[in-house]
Every structure is written in C-alpha cells, then in structure tokens.
C-alpha cells in the first residue's frame, strides 16, 4: 500500500483565496493549517507552532504551514478556515 504520510509535498497544488492572502498580509505573521474537531483551521503559529513535516506556502514574507495530514485533502485555503474569534468580517 502506498502512502504519502512522510512526504511533505502533497500530490496536488493548494491554492489560496485573495481574502486569505490579504488576511495573512495584514497580520504580518505566519499561520498553520491544522486539524480541529470541525475540520481544517487556520491559526497563527503563536497558537499552533509548525512541525518539521509541514508543507510551506509563501505569502510574500509570511508562511502558511500546512499539516501533512490536512494537505492531502485540501485544494483551497479560504476564509471559512479562519476562526471567527480572530476578528474578520
């Protein structure tokens, strides 16, 4: 059985919405897509630090780290992955 769990490169490209790019740029910090009970969630690395196995997506000088466990299932990172308590409209 083939598995890509140890491979930090997913088998497909992950895109970002313009709203997520703007969100990351405005906050000027790195983020991580990780697993939550409600599905993938975008959190600052100060809340959920990156792991060495994470995939990296660059937004200017900032990085969005993507858990290898989420990377195979995500095609697009969108604002629905940002918790409402981070204060976006």
Foldseek 3Di string as FASTA:
>chain_A
DDDCQQPQDAPDAEEEDPVVLVVCVVVVAEWEFDQDPVGTAIGGCVVPPADPSWHWDDNPPYTYTYRPVRVHPHRYDYPVRYDCVVPDD
